[in-house]
């Protein structure tokens, strides 16, 4: 079924925080994000910061003050996800988390992506993920260890993924979806 000419794409994520300075430092140290702009809003009188890791994308993450400290007990955000280019980049972020003393809470091999999760200083779940060269029908997942050698992770993922419904090269899946969306 075609979606017509409408093609919205999620480009950034914004949320309220309690301690803006602490949160900025965390995302800069762990993910290497750069402050693109910051200041006090005019129509929304809160302190805001716009962060990105790309000079041509003004902001990928926007944080602003205004989250009540007592709201840290429950978080409405399921996860904030960041795509990296490779398992090696995933492992680089793990090194930074280890240096920070921030534990990984969950690691999953989805067949079509590897991901792991951790909490930022205010309890938001952050996901770091990289795509695999394959596709399998979702949801699917198995626990893996991102600290293992890259070659071992790749071989194990391929072995498990081949046995799953819908296994195919990622490019074939993308082309099939492109054709389906075109109607």
C-alpha atoms as a PDB file:
ATOM      1  CA  UNK A   1       0.000   0.000   0.000  1.00  0.00           C
ATOM      2  CA  UNK A   2       1.426   3.365  -1.011  1.00  0.00           C
ATOM      3  CA  UNK A   3       1.628   6.202   1.451  1.00  0.00           C
ATOM      4  CA  UNK A   4       1.255   8.716  -1.392  1.00  0.00           C
ATOM      5  CA  UNK A   5       3.526  11.724  -1.352  1.00  0.00           C
ATOM      6  CA  UNK A   6       3.625  11.961   2.442  1.00  0.00           C
ATOM      7  CA  UNK A   7       7.041  10.899   3.716  1.00  0.00           C
ATOM      8  CA  UNK A   8       7.652  12.242   7.242  1.00  0.00           C
ATOM      9  CA  UNK A   9      11.007  11.322   8.744  1.00  0.00           C
ATOM     10  CA  UNK A  10      11.907  11.551  12.407  1.00  0.00           C
ATOM     11  CA  UNK A  11      14.924  13.835  12.582  1.00  0.00           C
ATOM     12  CA  UNK A  12      15.411  14.820  16.205  1.00  0.00           C
ATOM     13  CA  UNK A  13      14.225  14.206  19.723  1.00  0.00           C
ATOM     14  CA  UNK A  14      13.513  16.764  22.436  1.00  0.00           C
ATOM     15  CA  UNK A  15      12.765  16.280  26.121  1.00  0.00           C
ATOM     16  CA  UNK A  16      12.679  18.070  29.460  1.00  0.00           C
ATOM     17  CA  UNK A  17      15.428  17.518  32.028  1.00  0.00           C
ATOM     18  CA  UNK A  18      16.054  18.436  35.657  1.00  0.00           C
ATOM     19  CA  UNK A  19      19.815  19.139  35.486  1.00  0.00           C
ATOM     20  CA  UNK A  20      20.631  20.532  32.041  1.00  0.00           C
ATOM     21  CA  UNK A  21      24.366  20.977  32.672  1.00  0.00           C
ATOM     22  CA  UNK A  22      24.784  17.391  33.898  1.00  0.00           C
ATOM     23  CA  UNK A  23      22.819  15.984  30.961  1.00  0.00           C
ATOM     24  CA  UNK A  24      24.782  18.033  28.399  1.00  0.00           C
ATOM     25  CA  UNK A  25      28.068  16.775  29.822  1.00  0.00           C
ATOM     26  CA  UNK A  26      26.913  13.154  29.741  1.00  0.00           C
ATOM     27  CA  UNK A  27      25.820  13.227  26.092  1.00  0.00           C
ATOM     28  CA  UNK A  28      28.987  15.090  25.091  1.00  0.00           C
ATOM     29  CA  UNK A  29      31.289  12.605  26.847  1.00  0.00           C
ATOM     30  CA  UNK A  30      29.475   9.404  25.876  1.00  0.00           C
ATOM     31  CA  UNK A  31      28.225  10.170  22.357  1.00  0.00           C
ATOM     32  CA  UNK A  32      30.485  13.031  21.339  1.00  0.00           C
ATOM     33  CA  UNK A  33      27.575  15.381  20.669  1.00  0.00           C
ATOM     34  CA  UNK A  34      28.404  19.072  20.144  1.00  0.00           C
ATOM     35  CA  UNK A  35      26.395  22.060  21.342  1.00  0.00           C
ATOM     36  CA  UNK A  36      25.077  23.754  18.207  1.00  0.00           C
ATOM     37  CA  UNK A  37      23.039  26.444  20.001  1.00  0.00           C
ATOM     38  CA  UNK A  38      21.756  27.165  23.484  1.00  0.00           C
ATOM     39  CA  UNK A  39      19.797  29.825  25.299  1.00  0.00           C
ATOM     40  CA  UNK A  40      16.523  30.757  26.911  1.00  0.00           C
ATOM     41  CA  UNK A  41      13.359  30.375  24.878  1.00  0.00           C
ATOM     42  CA  UNK A  42      11.160  33.368  24.133  1.00  0.00           C
ATOM     43  CA  UNK A  43       7.785  31.662  23.705  1.00  0.00           C
ATOM     44  CA  UNK A  44       8.801  28.723  25.875  1.00  0.00           C
ATOM     45  CA  UNK A  45      10.627  30.320  28.823  1.00  0.00           C
ATOM     46  CA  UNK A  46      12.984  27.421  29.508  1.00  0.00           C
ATOM     47  CA  UNK A  47      16.729  26.991  29.049  1.00  0.00           C
ATOM     48  CA  UNK A  48      17.397  24.948  25.923  1.00  0.00           C
ATOM     49  CA  UNK A  49      20.361  23.266  24.292  1.00  0.00           C
ATOM     50  CA  UNK A  50      20.578  21.857  20.765  1.00  0.00           C
ATOM     51  CA  UNK A  51      23.096  19.029  20.233  1.00  0.00           C
ATOM     52  CA  UNK A  52      24.327  17.229  17.119  1.00  0.00           C
ATOM     53  CA  UNK A  53      27.236  15.214  15.783  1.00  0.00           C
ATOM     54  CA  UNK A  54      26.824  16.525  12.238  1.00  0.00           C
ATOM     55  CA  UNK A  55      27.656  20.053  11.084  1.00  0.00           C
ATOM     56  CA  UNK A  56      24.776  20.013   8.596  1.00  0.00           C
ATOM     57  CA  UNK A  57      22.132  18.845  11.107  1.00  0.00           C
ATOM     58  CA  UNK A  58      21.370  21.667  13.543  1.00  0.00           C
ATOM     59  CA  UNK A  59      20.126  19.344  16.232  1.00  0.00           C
ATOM     60  CA  UNK A  60      19.550  15.666  16.711  1.00  0.00           C
ATOM     61  CA  UNK A  61      18.836  16.043  20.410  1.00  0.00           C
ATOM     62  CA  UNK A  62      17.209  18.997  22.156  1.00  0.00           C
ATOM     63  CA  UNK A  63      16.993  19.239  25.922  1.00  0.00           C
ATOM     64  CA  UNK A  64      15.291  21.914  27.962  1.00  0.00           C
ATOM     65  CA  UNK A  65      14.731  22.614  31.624  1.00  0.00           C
ATOM     66  CA  UNK A  66      11.360  22.123  33.229  1.00  0.00           C
ATOM     67  CA  UNK A  67      11.198  18.478  34.257  1.00  0.00           C
ATOM     68  CA  UNK A  68      10.137  18.287  37.911  1.00  0.00           C
ATOM     69  CA  UNK A  69      12.622  16.304  40.007  1.00  0.00           C
ATOM     70  CA  UNK A  70       9.813  14.166  41.434  1.00  0.00           C
ATOM     71  CA  UNK A  71       9.020  12.927  37.914  1.00  0.00           C
ATOM     72  CA  UNK A  72      12.290  10.979  37.914  1.00  0.00           C
ATOM     73  CA  UNK A  73      10.345   8.172  39.628  1.00  0.00           C
ATOM     74  CA  UNK A  74       8.569   7.306  36.374  1.00  0.00           C
ATOM     75  CA  UNK A  75       9.783   7.993  32.882  1.00  0.00           C
ATOM     76  CA  UNK A  76       7.411   8.272  29.919  1.00  0.00           C
ATOM     77  CA  UNK A  77      10.251   7.834  27.421  1.00  0.00           C
ATOM     78  CA  UNK A  78      10.698   4.233  26.308  1.00  0.00           C
ATOM     79  CA  UNK A  79      14.097   4.829  24.693  1.00  0.00           C
ATOM     80  CA  UNK A  80      16.258   7.358  22.882  1.00  0.00           C
ATOM     81  CA  UNK A  81      18.071   5.516  20.086  1.00  0.00           C
ATOM     82  CA  UNK A  82      21.310   6.381  18.321  1.00  0.00           C
ATOM     83  CA  UNK A  83      22.468   4.566  15.177  1.00  0.00           C
ATOM     84  CA  UNK A  84      26.214   4.065  14.789  1.00  0.00           C
ATOM     85  CA  UNK A  85      27.977   2.785  11.690  1.00  0.00           C
ATOM     86  CA  UNK A  86      29.546  -0.405  13.031  1.00  0.00           C
ATOM     87  CA  UNK A  87      30.134  -2.841  15.866  1.00  0.00           C
ATOM     88  CA  UNK A  88      33.496  -1.137  16.373  1.00  0.00           C
ATOM     89  CA  UNK A  89      31.718   2.166  17.044  1.00  0.00           C
ATOM     90  CA  UNK A  90      29.353   0.387  19.438  1.00  0.00           C
ATOM     91  CA  UNK A  91      32.396  -0.910  21.292  1.00  0.00           C
ATOM     92  CA  UNK A  92      33.887   2.600  21.450  1.00  0.00           C
ATOM     93  CA  UNK A  93      30.751   3.863  23.198  1.00  0.00           C
ATOM     94  CA  UNK A  94      30.981   0.884  25.603  1.00  0.00           C
ATOM     95  CA  UNK A  95      34.528   1.975  26.517  1.00  0.00           C
ATOM     96  CA  UNK A  96      33.214   5.462  27.311  1.00  0.00           C
ATOM     97  CA  UNK A  97      30.370   4.036  29.390  1.00  0.00           C
ATOM     98  CA  UNK A  98      32.826   1.858  31.312  1.00  0.00           C
ATOM     99  CA  UNK A  99      35.055   4.867  31.992  1.00  0.00           C
ATOM    100  CA  UNK A 100      31.978   6.764  33.217  1.00  0.00           C
ATOM    101  CA  UNK A 101      30.875   3.852  35.406  1.00  0.00           C
ATOM    102  CA  UNK A 102      27.577   3.568  33.515  1.00  0.00           C
ATOM    103  CA  UNK A 103      26.459  -0.068  33.193  1.00  0.00           C
ATOM    104  CA  UNK A 104      24.813  -1.592  30.150  1.00  0.00           C
ATOM    105  CA  UNK A 105      21.367  -2.819  31.194  1.00  0.00           C
ATOM    106  CA  UNK A 106      20.524  -5.029  28.200  1.00  0.00           C
ATOM    107  CA  UNK A 107      22.174  -6.305  24.984  1.00  0.00           C
ATOM    108  CA  UNK A 108      20.185  -7.768  22.096  1.00  0.00           C
ATOM    109  CA  UNK A 109      21.005  -9.193  18.704  1.00  0.00           C
ATOM    110  CA  UNK A 110      17.852  -8.615  16.627  1.00  0.00           C
ATOM    111  CA  UNK A 111      19.224 -10.319  13.507  1.00  0.00           C
ATOM    112  CA  UNK A 112      18.756  -7.059  11.595  1.00  0.00           C
ATOM    113  CA  UNK A 113      20.575  -4.938  14.201  1.00  0.00           C
ATOM    114  CA  UNK A 114      22.681  -5.215  17.334  1.00  0.00           C
ATOM    115  CA  UNK A 115      21.701  -3.026  20.250  1.00  0.00           C
ATOM    116  CA  UNK A 116      22.461  -2.313  23.857  1.00  0.00           C
ATOM    117  CA  UNK A 117      20.803  -0.081  26.404  1.00  0.00           C
ATOM    118  CA  UNK A 118      21.840   2.036  29.380  1.00  0.00           C
ATOM    119  CA  UNK A 119      20.425   4.843  31.512  1.00  0.00           C
ATOM    120  CA  UNK A 120      21.466   8.473  31.225  1.00  0.00           C
ATOM    121  CA  UNK A 121      21.873  10.443  34.492  1.00  0.00           C
ATOM    122  CA  UNK A 122      18.119  11.115  34.737  1.00  0.00           C
ATOM    123  CA  UNK A 123      17.001   7.549  34.072  1.00  0.00           C
ATOM    124  CA  UNK A 124      16.148   7.832  30.367  1.00  0.00           C
ATOM    125  CA  UNK A 125      16.875   4.604  28.514  1.00  0.00           C
ATOM    126  CA  UNK A 126      19.395   5.166  25.720  1.00  0.00           C
ATOM    127  CA  UNK A 127      19.940   2.635  22.944  1.00  0.00           C
ATOM    128  CA  UNK A 128      23.056   2.382  20.794  1.00  0.00           C
ATOM    129  CA  UNK A 129      22.578   0.213  17.720  1.00  0.00           C
ATOM    130  CA  UNK A 130      24.171  -0.769  14.431  1.00  0.00           C
ATOM    131  CA  UNK A 131      22.533  -2.473  11.488  1.00  0.00           C
ATOM    132  CA  UNK A 132      23.582  -5.957  10.434  1.00  0.00           C
ATOM    133  CA  UNK A 133      23.912  -6.907   6.757  1.00  0.00           C
ATOM    134  CA  UNK A 134      20.788  -9.075   7.105  1.00  0.00           C
ATOM    135  CA  UNK A 135      17.069  -8.897   7.796  1.00  0.00           C
ATOM    136  CA  UNK A 136      14.888 -11.241   9.817  1.00  0.00           C
ATOM    137  CA  UNK A 137      11.225 -10.853  10.719  1.00  0.00           C
ATOM    138  CA  UNK A 138      10.705  -8.772  13.872  1.00  0.00           C
ATOM    139  CA  UNK A 139      10.299  -8.887  16.758  1.00  0.00           C
ATOM    140  CA  UNK A 140      13.177 -11.263  17.311  1.00  0.00           C
ATOM    141  CA  UNK A 141      16.144 -11.117  19.603  1.00  0.00           C
ATOM    142  CA  UNK A 142      18.753 -13.009  21.503  1.00  0.00           C
ATOM    143  CA  UNK A 143      21.234 -11.876  24.112  1.00  0.00           C
ATOM    144  CA  UNK A 144      24.777 -11.232  22.875  1.00  0.00           C
ATOM    145  CA  UNK A 145      27.945  -9.675  24.294  1.00  0.00           C
ATOM    146  CA  UNK A 146      29.026  -6.508  22.506  1.00  0.00           C
ATOM    147  CA  UNK A 147      32.478  -6.837  24.102  1.00  0.00           C
ATOM    148  CA  UNK A 148      33.235 -10.031  22.141  1.00  0.00           C
ATOM    149  CA  UNK A 149      35.450  -9.798  19.032  1.00  0.00           C
ATOM    150  CA  UNK A 150      33.589  -8.336  16.053  1.00  0.00           C
ATOM    151  CA  UNK A 151      34.252 -11.426  13.906  1.00  0.00           C
ATOM    152  CA  UNK A 152      32.673 -13.674  16.542  1.00  0.00           C
ATOM    153  CA  UNK A 153      29.582 -11.466  16.864  1.00  0.00           C
ATOM    154  CA  UNK A 154      29.135 -11.372  13.067  1.00  0.00           C
ATOM    155  CA  UNK A 155      29.483 -15.156  12.715  1.00  0.00           C
ATOM    156  CA  UNK A 156      27.062 -15.913  15.555  1.00  0.00           C
ATOM    157  CA  UNK A 157      24.494 -13.429  14.261  1.00  0.00           C
ATOM    158  CA  UNK A 158      24.630 -14.916  10.773  1.00  0.00           C
ATOM    159  CA  UNK A 159      24.267 -18.442  12.165  1.00  0.00           C
ATOM    160  CA  UNK A 160      21.189 -17.559  14.239  1.00  0.00           C
ATOM    161  CA  UNK A 161      19.663 -15.217  11.656  1.00  0.00           C
ATOM    162  CA  UNK A 162      19.792 -17.815   8.858  1.00  0.00           C
ATOM    163  CA  UNK A 163      17.402 -19.991  10.878  1.00  0.00           C
ATOM    164  CA  UNK A 164      14.824 -17.198  11.304  1.00  0.00           C
ATOM    165  CA  UNK A 165      11.695 -16.386   9.315  1.00  0.00           C
ATOM    166  CA  UNK A 166      12.278 -13.837   6.593  1.00  0.00           C
ATOM    167  CA  UNK A 167      16.077 -14.129   6.558  1.00  0.00           C
ATOM    168  CA  UNK A 168      17.516 -12.246   3.589  1.00  0.00           C
ATOM    169  CA  UNK A 169      20.250  -9.747   2.748  1.00  0.00           C
ATOM    170  CA  UNK A 170      19.429  -6.261   4.042  1.00  0.00           C
ATOM    171  CA  UNK A 171      19.572  -4.800   0.514  1.00  0.00           C
ATOM    172  CA  UNK A 172      16.915  -7.271  -0.720  1.00  0.00           C
ATOM    173  CA  UNK A 173      14.622  -6.381   2.176  1.00  0.00           C
ATOM    174  CA  UNK A 174      15.038  -2.633   1.534  1.00  0.00           C
ATOM    175  CA  UNK A 175      14.317  -3.050  -2.180  1.00  0.00           C
ATOM    176  CA  UNK A 176      11.205  -5.123  -1.416  1.00  0.00           C
ATOM    177  CA  UNK A 177       9.960  -2.433   0.989  1.00  0.00           C
ATOM    178  CA  UNK A 178      10.749   0.294  -1.556  1.00  0.00           C
ATOM    179  CA  UNK A 179       8.589  -1.502  -4.121  1.00  0.00           C
ATOM    180  CA  UNK A 180       5.793  -2.107  -1.594  1.00  0.00           C
ATOM    181  CA  UNK A 181       5.746   1.555  -0.560  1.00  0.00           C
ATOM    182  CA  UNK A 182       5.659   2.676  -4.176  1.00  0.00           C
ATOM    183  CA  UNK A 183       2.477   0.651  -4.608  1.00  0.00           C
END
